[in-house]
């Protein structure tokens, strides 16, 4: 299938993660209106429109968000009538609770972080310190991320230290003998399985470890070659210092001409590592 570019998607996903993962916050309060508070206006699904930080370094434009949705990656806020909330951010969900303090104002917590909610016209703003996410009322939705449901029954569970199959793999298997392609002071990069994702893209299951003292982005400079043919490849992972993660490197099924990972023969390409300032600090040849 056609893609806008998973590398760009990864960067935008990380940017939204930075927006909502603000430093520890004190409790923020908005003055409530007199009388009973009408919480019904808040309840429902709110689709992300854009986001910004006063620092200006981690802004998300409406065009950014639209590009993510074209890749099938959504972001929205569910406010339940019972006072619970879930913030789905493209590839993860953050949970919390909320309570109206007025007809157009509410207090909230997101993963234990205090926040405020304000209704302005037909938009809803979620604010944490200097970060604001702006939403518009959308159709009700509840993804597998939001509900906590999983379609991965029967698969080997994936822990914080990796080692299992990526949640992106809908069919696949781990290798009896994993192949270590990189192992140095910056990065350990292991192919430990093969499979295909829900789009039909075949690929390699990876275990990646950040051996450095800074956060890094691991991504690919496409196209790769598969048996001499040019193929678009998608991988983007952000790892904290010392973190090990399980990832999935996808090969575009239209370019490969198959959804079967067995078609991935004589694969060559380049893996890049960027630091948290988006400067490339490592370049590795991929050959499998």
C-alpha atoms as a PDB file:
ATOM      1  CA  UNK A   1       0.000   0.000   0.000  1.00  0.00           C
ATOM      2  CA  UNK A   2       1.067   3.636  -0.357  1.00  0.00           C
ATOM      3  CA  UNK A   3       2.449   5.436   2.697  1.00  0.00           C
ATOM      4  CA  UNK A   4       3.226   9.064   3.452  1.00  0.00           C
ATOM      5  CA  UNK A   5       6.391   8.002   5.225  1.00  0.00           C
ATOM      6  CA  UNK A   6       6.719   6.152   8.521  1.00  0.00           C
ATOM      7  CA  UNK A   7       9.869   8.084   9.444  1.00  0.00           C
ATOM      8  CA  UNK A   8       7.905  11.343   9.408  1.00  0.00           C
ATOM      9  CA  UNK A   9       5.128   9.601  11.318  1.00  0.00           C
ATOM     10  CA  UNK A  10       7.579   8.512  13.966  1.00  0.00           C
ATOM     11  CA  UNK A  11       8.916  12.012  14.377  1.00  0.00           C
ATOM     12  CA  UNK A  12       5.381  13.434  14.685  1.00  0.00           C
ATOM     13  CA  UNK A  13       4.411  10.734  17.164  1.00  0.00           C
ATOM     14  CA  UNK A  14       7.444  11.548  19.278  1.00  0.00           C
ATOM     15  CA  UNK A  15       6.557  15.242  19.057  1.00  0.00           C
ATOM     16  CA  UNK A  16       3.073  14.598  20.418  1.00  0.00           C
ATOM     17  CA  UNK A  17       4.581  12.408  23.115  1.00  0.00           C
ATOM     18  CA  UNK A  18       6.783  15.312  24.127  1.00  0.00           C
ATOM     19  CA  UNK A  19       3.773  17.620  24.203  1.00  0.00           C
ATOM     20  CA  UNK A  20       1.785  15.490  26.628  1.00  0.00           C
ATOM     21  CA  UNK A  21       4.693  14.177  28.709  1.00  0.00           C
ATOM     22  CA  UNK A  22       5.343  17.493  30.440  1.00  0.00           C
ATOM     23  CA  UNK A  23       7.504  17.808  33.558  1.00  0.00           C
ATOM     24  CA  UNK A  24       5.878  17.156  36.953  1.00  0.00           C
ATOM     25  CA  UNK A  25       3.029  19.612  37.399  1.00  0.00           C
ATOM     26  CA  UNK A  26       1.387  21.221  40.366  1.00  0.00           C
ATOM     27  CA  UNK A  27      -2.394  21.153  40.537  1.00  0.00           C
ATOM     28  CA  UNK A  28      -3.967  23.690  38.158  1.00  0.00           C
ATOM     29  CA  UNK A  29      -7.429  25.011  38.985  1.00  0.00           C
ATOM     30  CA  UNK A  30      -9.976  26.964  36.991  1.00  0.00           C
ATOM     31  CA  UNK A  31     -12.649  28.964  38.741  1.00  0.00           C
ATOM     32  CA  UNK A  32     -16.018  27.258  38.487  1.00  0.00           C
ATOM     33  CA  UNK A  33     -19.311  28.901  37.666  1.00  0.00           C
ATOM     34  CA  UNK A  34     -21.911  29.320  40.347  1.00  0.00           C
ATOM     35  CA  UNK A  35     -24.558  26.651  40.657  1.00  0.00           C
ATOM     36  CA  UNK A  36     -24.552  23.076  39.356  1.00  0.00           C
ATOM     37  CA  UNK A  37     -21.949  22.159  36.775  1.00  0.00           C
ATOM     38  CA  UNK A  38     -23.179  20.709  33.475  1.00  0.00           C
ATOM     39  CA  UNK A  39     -20.683  17.967  32.622  1.00  0.00           C
ATOM     40  CA  UNK A  40     -22.663  16.608  29.666  1.00  0.00           C
ATOM     41  CA  UNK A  41     -21.006  19.068  27.284  1.00  0.00           C
ATOM     42  CA  UNK A  42     -17.629  17.430  27.943  1.00  0.00           C
ATOM     43  CA  UNK A  43     -18.648  13.810  27.532  1.00  0.00           C
ATOM     44  CA  UNK A  44     -17.751  11.998  24.312  1.00  0.00           C
ATOM     45  CA  UNK A  45     -14.898  11.657  21.837  1.00  0.00           C
ATOM     46  CA  UNK A  46     -12.781  14.675  20.917  1.00  0.00           C
ATOM     47  CA  UNK A  47     -10.494  14.443  17.871  1.00  0.00           C
ATOM     48  CA  UNK A  48      -7.083  16.125  18.081  1.00  0.00           C
ATOM     49  CA  UNK A  49      -6.766  19.154  15.766  1.00  0.00           C
ATOM     50  CA  UNK A  50      -3.381  20.611  16.724  1.00  0.00           C
ATOM     51  CA  UNK A  51      -1.077  21.164  19.668  1.00  0.00           C
ATOM     52  CA  UNK A  52       1.527  23.622  20.818  1.00  0.00           C
ATOM     53  CA  UNK A  53       4.010  24.394  23.565  1.00  0.00           C
ATOM     54  CA  UNK A  54       5.121  27.870  24.568  1.00  0.00           C
ATOM     55  CA  UNK A  55       8.696  26.728  23.964  1.00  0.00           C
ATOM     56  CA  UNK A  56       7.792  26.367  20.278  1.00  0.00           C
ATOM     57  CA  UNK A  57       9.952  23.273  19.897  1.00  0.00           C
ATOM     58  CA  UNK A  58       7.342  20.540  19.944  1.00  0.00           C
ATOM     59  CA  UNK A  59       4.397  22.036  18.060  1.00  0.00           C
ATOM     60  CA  UNK A  60       1.972  19.909  16.052  1.00  0.00           C
ATOM     61  CA  UNK A  61       0.213  21.641  13.187  1.00  0.00           C
ATOM     62  CA  UNK A  62      -3.157  20.642  11.763  1.00  0.00           C
ATOM     63  CA  UNK A  63      -1.249  19.426   8.699  1.00  0.00           C
ATOM     64  CA  UNK A  64       0.921  17.183  10.900  1.00  0.00           C
ATOM     65  CA  UNK A  65      -2.136  15.614  12.523  1.00  0.00           C
ATOM     66  CA  UNK A  66      -3.836  15.140   9.144  1.00  0.00           C
ATOM     67  CA  UNK A  67      -0.729  13.404   7.784  1.00  0.00           C
ATOM     68  CA  UNK A  68      -0.771  10.987  10.709  1.00  0.00           C
ATOM     69  CA  UNK A  69      -4.441  10.163  10.099  1.00  0.00           C
ATOM     70  CA  UNK A  70      -3.695   9.420   6.444  1.00  0.00           C
ATOM     71  CA  UNK A  71      -1.293   6.783   7.750  1.00  0.00           C
ATOM     72  CA  UNK A  72      -4.123   5.284   9.777  1.00  0.00           C
ATOM     73  CA  UNK A  73      -2.763   6.694  13.064  1.00  0.00           C
ATOM     74  CA  UNK A  74      -5.331   8.605  15.096  1.00  0.00           C
ATOM     75  CA  UNK A  75      -5.244  10.819  18.180  1.00  0.00           C
ATOM     76  CA  UNK A  76      -8.259  11.660  20.300  1.00  0.00           C
ATOM     77  CA  UNK A  77      -9.549  12.216  23.824  1.00  0.00           C
ATOM     78  CA  UNK A  78     -12.386  10.158  25.303  1.00  0.00           C
ATOM     79  CA  UNK A  79     -14.192  11.713  28.267  1.00  0.00           C
ATOM     80  CA  UNK A  80     -16.511   9.222  29.940  1.00  0.00           C
ATOM     81  CA  UNK A  81     -19.616  10.234  31.847  1.00  0.00           C
ATOM     82  CA  UNK A  82     -18.286   8.326  34.859  1.00  0.00           C
ATOM     83  CA  UNK A  83     -15.339  10.737  35.140  1.00  0.00           C
ATOM     84  CA  UNK A  84     -12.605   8.661  33.512  1.00  0.00           C
ATOM     85  CA  UNK A  85     -10.622   9.706  30.452  1.00  0.00           C
ATOM     86  CA  UNK A  86      -8.292   8.143  27.897  1.00  0.00           C
ATOM     87  CA  UNK A  87      -5.957  10.073  25.611  1.00  0.00           C
ATOM     88  CA  UNK A  88      -5.079   8.001  22.552  1.00  0.00           C
ATOM     89  CA  UNK A  89      -1.935   9.359  20.909  1.00  0.00           C
ATOM     90  CA  UNK A  90      -1.354   7.564  17.606  1.00  0.00           C
ATOM     91  CA  UNK A  91       0.269   4.440  19.073  1.00  0.00           C
ATOM     92  CA  UNK A  92      -0.374   4.508  22.812  1.00  0.00           C
ATOM     93  CA  UNK A  93      -3.019   5.431  25.356  1.00  0.00           C
ATOM     94  CA  UNK A  94      -2.725   7.539  28.507  1.00  0.00           C
ATOM     95  CA  UNK A  95      -5.433   7.232  31.156  1.00  0.00           C
ATOM     96  CA  UNK A  96      -6.763   9.463  33.888  1.00  0.00           C
ATOM     97  CA  UNK A  97      -9.867  11.129  35.264  1.00  0.00           C
ATOM     98  CA  UNK A  98     -11.689  14.425  35.028  1.00  0.00           C
ATOM     99  CA  UNK A  99     -14.313  16.500  36.865  1.00  0.00           C
ATOM    100  CA  UNK A 100     -16.226  19.559  35.757  1.00  0.00           C
ATOM    101  CA  UNK A 101     -15.596  22.717  37.788  1.00  0.00           C
ATOM    102  CA  UNK A 102     -17.964  24.821  35.693  1.00  0.00           C
ATOM    103  CA  UNK A 103     -20.108  24.633  32.580  1.00  0.00           C
ATOM    104  CA  UNK A 104     -17.016  25.234  30.425  1.00  0.00           C
ATOM    105  CA  UNK A 105     -14.154  24.186  32.693  1.00  0.00           C
ATOM    106  CA  UNK A 106     -12.854  20.989  34.256  1.00  0.00           C
ATOM    107  CA  UNK A 107      -9.842  19.625  36.124  1.00  0.00           C
ATOM    108  CA  UNK A 108      -8.146  16.434  34.988  1.00  0.00           C
ATOM    109  CA  UNK A 109      -5.248  14.107  35.598  1.00  0.00           C
ATOM    110  CA  UNK A 110      -3.413  12.288  32.792  1.00  0.00           C
ATOM    111  CA  UNK A 111      -1.127   9.490  33.989  1.00  0.00           C
ATOM    112  CA  UNK A 112      -1.023  11.224  37.378  1.00  0.00           C
ATOM    113  CA  UNK A 113      -0.193  14.639  35.869  1.00  0.00           C
ATOM    114  CA  UNK A 114      -2.588  17.494  36.720  1.00  0.00           C
ATOM    115  CA  UNK A 115      -4.224  19.299  33.792  1.00  0.00           C
ATOM    116  CA  UNK A 116      -7.121  21.585  32.977  1.00  0.00           C
ATOM    117  CA  UNK A 117      -9.857  21.325  30.366  1.00  0.00           C
ATOM    118  CA  UNK A 118     -11.667  24.289  28.834  1.00  0.00           C
ATOM    119  CA  UNK A 119     -14.495  24.500  26.293  1.00  0.00           C
ATOM    120  CA  UNK A 120     -14.110  27.400  23.884  1.00  0.00           C
ATOM    121  CA  UNK A 121     -16.802  27.601  21.243  1.00  0.00           C
ATOM    122  CA  UNK A 122     -16.877  24.209  19.518  1.00  0.00           C
ATOM    123  CA  UNK A 123     -13.371  23.206  20.626  1.00  0.00           C
ATOM    124  CA  UNK A 124     -11.953  21.638  23.765  1.00  0.00           C
ATOM    125  CA  UNK A 125      -8.496  22.512  25.087  1.00  0.00           C
ATOM    126  CA  UNK A 126      -6.467  20.198  27.304  1.00  0.00           C
ATOM    127  CA  UNK A 127      -3.669  22.100  29.029  1.00  0.00           C
ATOM    128  CA  UNK A 128      -0.693  20.857  31.009  1.00  0.00           C
ATOM    129  CA  UNK A 129       1.607  23.669  32.141  1.00  0.00           C
ATOM    130  CA  UNK A 130       2.800  25.354  28.887  1.00  0.00           C
ATOM    131  CA  UNK A 131       1.374  22.677  26.597  1.00  0.00           C
ATOM    132  CA  UNK A 132      -2.050  22.873  24.936  1.00  0.00           C
ATOM    133  CA  UNK A 133      -3.809  20.240  22.846  1.00  0.00           C
ATOM    134  CA  UNK A 134      -6.858  21.414  20.885  1.00  0.00           C
ATOM    135  CA  UNK A 135      -9.694  19.017  20.016  1.00  0.00           C
ATOM    136  CA  UNK A 136     -12.986  19.125  18.102  1.00  0.00           C
ATOM    137  CA  UNK A 137     -15.995  16.927  18.864  1.00  0.00           C
ATOM    138  CA  UNK A 138     -15.808  13.725  16.851  1.00  0.00           C
ATOM    139  CA  UNK A 139     -17.722  10.519  16.302  1.00  0.00           C
ATOM    140  CA  UNK A 140     -17.636   8.030  19.191  1.00  0.00           C
ATOM    141  CA  UNK A 141     -14.695   5.685  18.908  1.00  0.00           C
ATOM    142  CA  UNK A 142     -12.930   3.169  21.074  1.00  0.00           C
ATOM    143  CA  UNK A 143      -9.769   1.592  19.660  1.00  0.00           C
ATOM    144  CA  UNK A 144      -8.082  -1.565  20.920  1.00  0.00           C
ATOM    145  CA  UNK A 145      -5.571   0.760  22.593  1.00  0.00           C
ATOM    146  CA  UNK A 146      -8.319   2.713  24.328  1.00  0.00           C
ATOM    147  CA  UNK A 147     -10.284  -0.306  25.526  1.00  0.00           C
ATOM    148  CA  UNK A 148      -7.245  -2.289  26.568  1.00  0.00           C
ATOM    149  CA  UNK A 149      -8.417  -5.117  24.296  1.00  0.00           C
ATOM    150  CA  UNK A 150      -5.812  -7.032  22.375  1.00  0.00           C
ATOM    151  CA  UNK A 151      -5.854  -9.013  19.170  1.00  0.00           C
ATOM    152  CA  UNK A 152      -2.582 -10.660  20.145  1.00  0.00           C
ATOM    153  CA  UNK A 153      -3.987 -13.656  21.992  1.00  0.00           C
ATOM    154  CA  UNK A 154      -1.651 -16.583  21.851  1.00  0.00           C
ATOM    155  CA  UNK A 155       1.410 -14.491  21.089  1.00  0.00           C
ATOM    156  CA  UNK A 156       4.420 -14.369  23.336  1.00  0.00           C
ATOM    157  CA  UNK A 157       3.985 -11.370  25.668  1.00  0.00           C
ATOM    158  CA  UNK A 158       6.308  -8.420  25.209  1.00  0.00           C
ATOM    159  CA  UNK A 159       7.901  -6.895  28.290  1.00  0.00           C
ATOM    160  CA  UNK A 160       9.866  -3.731  28.810  1.00  0.00           C
ATOM    161  CA  UNK A 161      13.044  -5.546  27.846  1.00  0.00           C
ATOM    162  CA  UNK A 162      11.722  -6.686  24.471  1.00  0.00           C
ATOM    163  CA  UNK A 163      12.308 -10.207  23.227  1.00  0.00           C
ATOM    164  CA  UNK A 164       8.784 -11.017  22.026  1.00  0.00           C
ATOM    165  CA  UNK A 165       6.903 -10.189  18.852  1.00  0.00           C
ATOM    166  CA  UNK A 166       6.036  -6.559  18.199  1.00  0.00           C
ATOM    167  CA  UNK A 167       2.414  -5.572  18.739  1.00  0.00           C
ATOM    168  CA  UNK A 168       2.399  -4.569  15.059  1.00  0.00           C
ATOM    169  CA  UNK A 169       2.856  -8.187  13.949  1.00  0.00           C
ATOM    170  CA  UNK A 170      -0.431  -9.953  13.260  1.00  0.00           C
ATOM    171  CA  UNK A 171       1.224 -13.164  12.046  1.00  0.00           C
ATOM    172  CA  UNK A 172       4.820 -14.161  12.529  1.00  0.00           C
ATOM    173  CA  UNK A 173       7.328 -16.123  14.579  1.00  0.00           C
ATOM    174  CA  UNK A 174      10.560 -15.650  16.478  1.00  0.00           C
ATOM    175  CA  UNK A 175      13.802 -17.043  15.022  1.00  0.00           C
ATOM    176  CA  UNK A 176      15.482 -20.017  16.660  1.00  0.00           C
ATOM    177  CA  UNK A 177      18.787 -18.195  16.228  1.00  0.00           C
ATOM    178  CA  UNK A 178      18.500 -14.386  16.419  1.00  0.00           C
ATOM    179  CA  UNK A 179      20.981 -12.432  14.295  1.00  0.00           C
ATOM    180  CA  UNK A 180      22.910  -9.547  15.884  1.00  0.00           C
ATOM    181  CA  UNK A 181      23.640  -6.939  13.217  1.00  0.00           C
ATOM    182  CA  UNK A 182      25.001  -4.173  15.482  1.00  0.00           C
ATOM    183  CA  UNK A 183      26.485  -4.271  18.978  1.00  0.00           C
ATOM    184  CA  UNK A 184      28.589  -1.286  20.066  1.00  0.00           C
ATOM    185  CA  UNK A 185      28.623   1.517  22.636  1.00  0.00           C
ATOM    186  CA  UNK A 186      25.697   3.249  20.937  1.00  0.00           C
ATOM    187  CA  UNK A 187      23.365   0.515  19.740  1.00  0.00           C
ATOM    188  CA  UNK A 188      22.530  -3.179  19.842  1.00  0.00           C
ATOM    189  CA  UNK A 189      20.338  -4.175  16.888  1.00  0.00           C
ATOM    190  CA  UNK A 190      19.070  -7.765  16.653  1.00  0.00           C
ATOM    191  CA  UNK A 191      16.781  -9.453  14.116  1.00  0.00           C
ATOM    192  CA  UNK A 192      14.914 -12.025  16.182  1.00  0.00           C
ATOM    193  CA  UNK A 193      11.815 -12.777  14.113  1.00  0.00           C
ATOM    194  CA  UNK A 194       9.808 -12.302  10.927  1.00  0.00           C
ATOM    195  CA  UNK A 195       6.168 -11.555  10.246  1.00  0.00           C
ATOM    196  CA  UNK A 196       3.604  -9.305   8.590  1.00  0.00           C
ATOM    197  CA  UNK A 197       1.524  -6.408   9.900  1.00  0.00           C
ATOM    198  CA  UNK A 198      -2.174  -5.623   9.475  1.00  0.00           C
ATOM    199  CA  UNK A 199      -1.434  -3.793   6.210  1.00  0.00           C
ATOM    200  CA  UNK A 200       0.149  -6.928   4.762  1.00  0.00           C
ATOM    201  CA  UNK A 201       3.665  -5.517   4.847  1.00  0.00           C
ATOM    202  CA  UNK A 202       6.206  -8.269   5.582  1.00  0.00           C
ATOM    203  CA  UNK A 203       9.188  -7.495   7.751  1.00  0.00           C
ATOM    204  CA  UNK A 204      11.673  -8.244  10.502  1.00  0.00           C
ATOM    205  CA  UNK A 205      10.952  -8.326  14.204  1.00  0.00           C
ATOM    206  CA  UNK A 206      13.723  -6.457  16.023  1.00  0.00           C
ATOM    207  CA  UNK A 207      15.156  -6.121  19.496  1.00  0.00           C
ATOM    208  CA  UNK A 208      16.897  -2.749  19.809  1.00  0.00           C
ATOM    209  CA  UNK A 209      18.880  -1.482  22.798  1.00  0.00           C
ATOM    210  CA  UNK A 210      20.092   2.056  23.380  1.00  0.00           C
ATOM    211  CA  UNK A 211      23.555   1.643  24.912  1.00  0.00           C
ATOM    212  CA  UNK A 212      24.179   5.390  25.144  1.00  0.00           C
ATOM    213  CA  UNK A 213      23.519   7.994  27.837  1.00  0.00           C
ATOM    214  CA  UNK A 214      21.076  10.014  25.704  1.00  0.00           C
ATOM    215  CA  UNK A 215      17.683   9.380  24.114  1.00  0.00           C
ATOM    216  CA  UNK A 216      17.950   8.242  20.506  1.00  0.00           C
ATOM    217  CA  UNK A 217      15.778   7.748  17.429  1.00  0.00           C
ATOM    218  CA  UNK A 218      16.490   4.641  15.364  1.00  0.00           C
ATOM    219  CA  UNK A 219      15.181   4.834  11.797  1.00  0.00           C
ATOM    220  CA  UNK A 220      15.920   3.719   8.281  1.00  0.00           C
ATOM    221  CA  UNK A 221      17.043   5.595   5.222  1.00  0.00           C
ATOM    222  CA  UNK A 222      14.982   4.060   2.462  1.00  0.00           C
ATOM    223  CA  UNK A 223      14.788   2.601  -0.033  1.00  0.00           C
ATOM    224  CA  UNK A 224      16.423  -0.691   0.839  1.00  0.00           C
ATOM    225  CA  UNK A 225      17.129  -3.330  -1.775  1.00  0.00           C
ATOM    226  CA  UNK A 226      15.581  -6.802  -1.642  1.00  0.00           C
ATOM    227  CA  UNK A 227      17.212  -9.254  -4.028  1.00  0.00           C
ATOM    228  CA  UNK A 228      18.431  -6.235  -6.004  1.00  0.00           C
ATOM    229  CA  UNK A 229      15.031  -4.491  -6.232  1.00  0.00           C
ATOM    230  CA  UNK A 230      14.297  -1.133  -4.591  1.00  0.00           C
ATOM    231  CA  UNK A 231      11.818  -1.379  -1.698  1.00  0.00           C
ATOM    232  CA  UNK A 232      10.364   1.233   0.639  1.00  0.00           C
ATOM    233  CA  UNK A 233      11.042   0.424   4.301  1.00  0.00           C
ATOM    234  CA  UNK A 234       9.492   1.808   7.487  1.00  0.00           C
ATOM    235  CA  UNK A 235      11.044   1.935  10.957  1.00  0.00           C
ATOM    236  CA  UNK A 236      11.146   4.594  13.632  1.00  0.00           C
ATOM    237  CA  UNK A 237      11.806   3.924  17.323  1.00  0.00           C
ATOM    238  CA  UNK A 238      12.624   6.349  20.132  1.00  0.00           C
ATOM    239  CA  UNK A 239      14.561   4.815  23.044  1.00  0.00           C
ATOM    240  CA  UNK A 240      15.546   6.286  26.383  1.00  0.00           C
ATOM    241  CA  UNK A 241      19.084   5.709  27.702  1.00  0.00           C
ATOM    242  CA  UNK A 242      19.576   2.017  28.429  1.00  0.00           C
ATOM    243  CA  UNK A 243      16.151   1.060  27.084  1.00  0.00           C
ATOM    244  CA  UNK A 244      15.525  -2.151  25.141  1.00  0.00           C
ATOM    245  CA  UNK A 245      12.481  -2.213  22.859  1.00  0.00           C
ATOM    246  CA  UNK A 246      10.809  -4.572  20.433  1.00  0.00           C
ATOM    247  CA  UNK A 247      10.153  -3.075  16.996  1.00  0.00           C
ATOM    248  CA  UNK A 248       9.003  -4.128  13.536  1.00  0.00           C
ATOM    249  CA  UNK A 249      10.757  -3.120  10.307  1.00  0.00           C
ATOM    250  CA  UNK A 250       8.123  -3.077   7.539  1.00  0.00           C
ATOM    251  CA  UNK A 251       8.811  -3.607   3.841  1.00  0.00           C
ATOM    252  CA  UNK A 252       6.179  -2.169   1.517  1.00  0.00           C
ATOM    253  CA  UNK A 253       4.155  -5.079   0.153  1.00  0.00           C
ATOM    254  CA  UNK A 254       3.586  -3.366  -3.202  1.00  0.00           C
ATOM    255  CA  UNK A 255       7.340  -3.087  -3.737  1.00  0.00           C
ATOM    256  CA  UNK A 256       8.123  -6.578  -2.462  1.00  0.00           C
ATOM    257  CA  UNK A 257       5.284  -8.142  -4.415  1.00  0.00           C
ATOM    258  CA  UNK A 258       4.428 -10.447  -1.523  1.00  0.00           C
ATOM    259  CA  UNK A 259       3.071 -10.426   2.015  1.00  0.00           C
ATOM    260  CA  UNK A 260       5.254 -13.402   2.921  1.00  0.00           C
ATOM    261  CA  UNK A 261       8.428 -12.607   4.907  1.00  0.00           C
ATOM    262  CA  UNK A 262      10.189 -15.416   3.013  1.00  0.00           C
ATOM    263  CA  UNK A 263      10.387 -12.969   0.081  1.00  0.00           C
ATOM    264  CA  UNK A 264      12.856 -10.834   2.063  1.00  0.00           C
ATOM    265  CA  UNK A 265      16.111 -12.188   0.642  1.00  0.00           C
ATOM    266  CA  UNK A 266      19.466 -10.461   0.169  1.00  0.00           C
ATOM    267  CA  UNK A 267      18.232  -7.389   2.023  1.00  0.00           C
ATOM    268  CA  UNK A 268      20.534  -4.362   2.187  1.00  0.00           C
ATOM    269  CA  UNK A 269      20.026  -0.842   3.458  1.00  0.00           C
ATOM    270  CA  UNK A 270      21.016   1.799   6.013  1.00  0.00           C
ATOM    271  CA  UNK A 271      19.955   2.254   9.636  1.00  0.00           C
ATOM    272  CA  UNK A 272      20.412   5.713  11.165  1.00  0.00           C
ATOM    273  CA  UNK A 273      20.586   6.821  14.792  1.00  0.00           C
ATOM    274  CA  UNK A 274      19.724  10.408  15.786  1.00  0.00           C
ATOM    275  CA  UNK A 275      20.181  12.022  19.171  1.00  0.00           C
ATOM    276  CA  UNK A 276      17.455  14.017  20.928  1.00  0.00           C
ATOM    277  CA  UNK A 277      18.451  17.108  18.929  1.00  0.00           C
ATOM    278  CA  UNK A 278      17.710  15.225  15.663  1.00  0.00           C
ATOM    279  CA  UNK A 279      21.404  15.075  14.757  1.00  0.00           C
ATOM    280  CA  UNK A 280      22.575  11.826  13.197  1.00  0.00           C
ATOM    281  CA  UNK A 281      25.169  10.210  15.484  1.00  0.00           C
ATOM    282  CA  UNK A 282      25.328   6.733  13.966  1.00  0.00           C
ATOM    283  CA  UNK A 283      25.042   5.131  10.517  1.00  0.00           C
ATOM    284  CA  UNK A 284      24.946   1.361  10.068  1.00  0.00           C
ATOM    285  CA  UNK A 285      24.729  -0.865   7.051  1.00  0.00           C
ATOM    286  CA  UNK A 286      21.916  -3.420   7.229  1.00  0.00           C
ATOM    287  CA  UNK A 287      22.574  -6.735   5.482  1.00  0.00           C
ATOM    288  CA  UNK A 288      20.473  -9.826   6.009  1.00  0.00           C
END
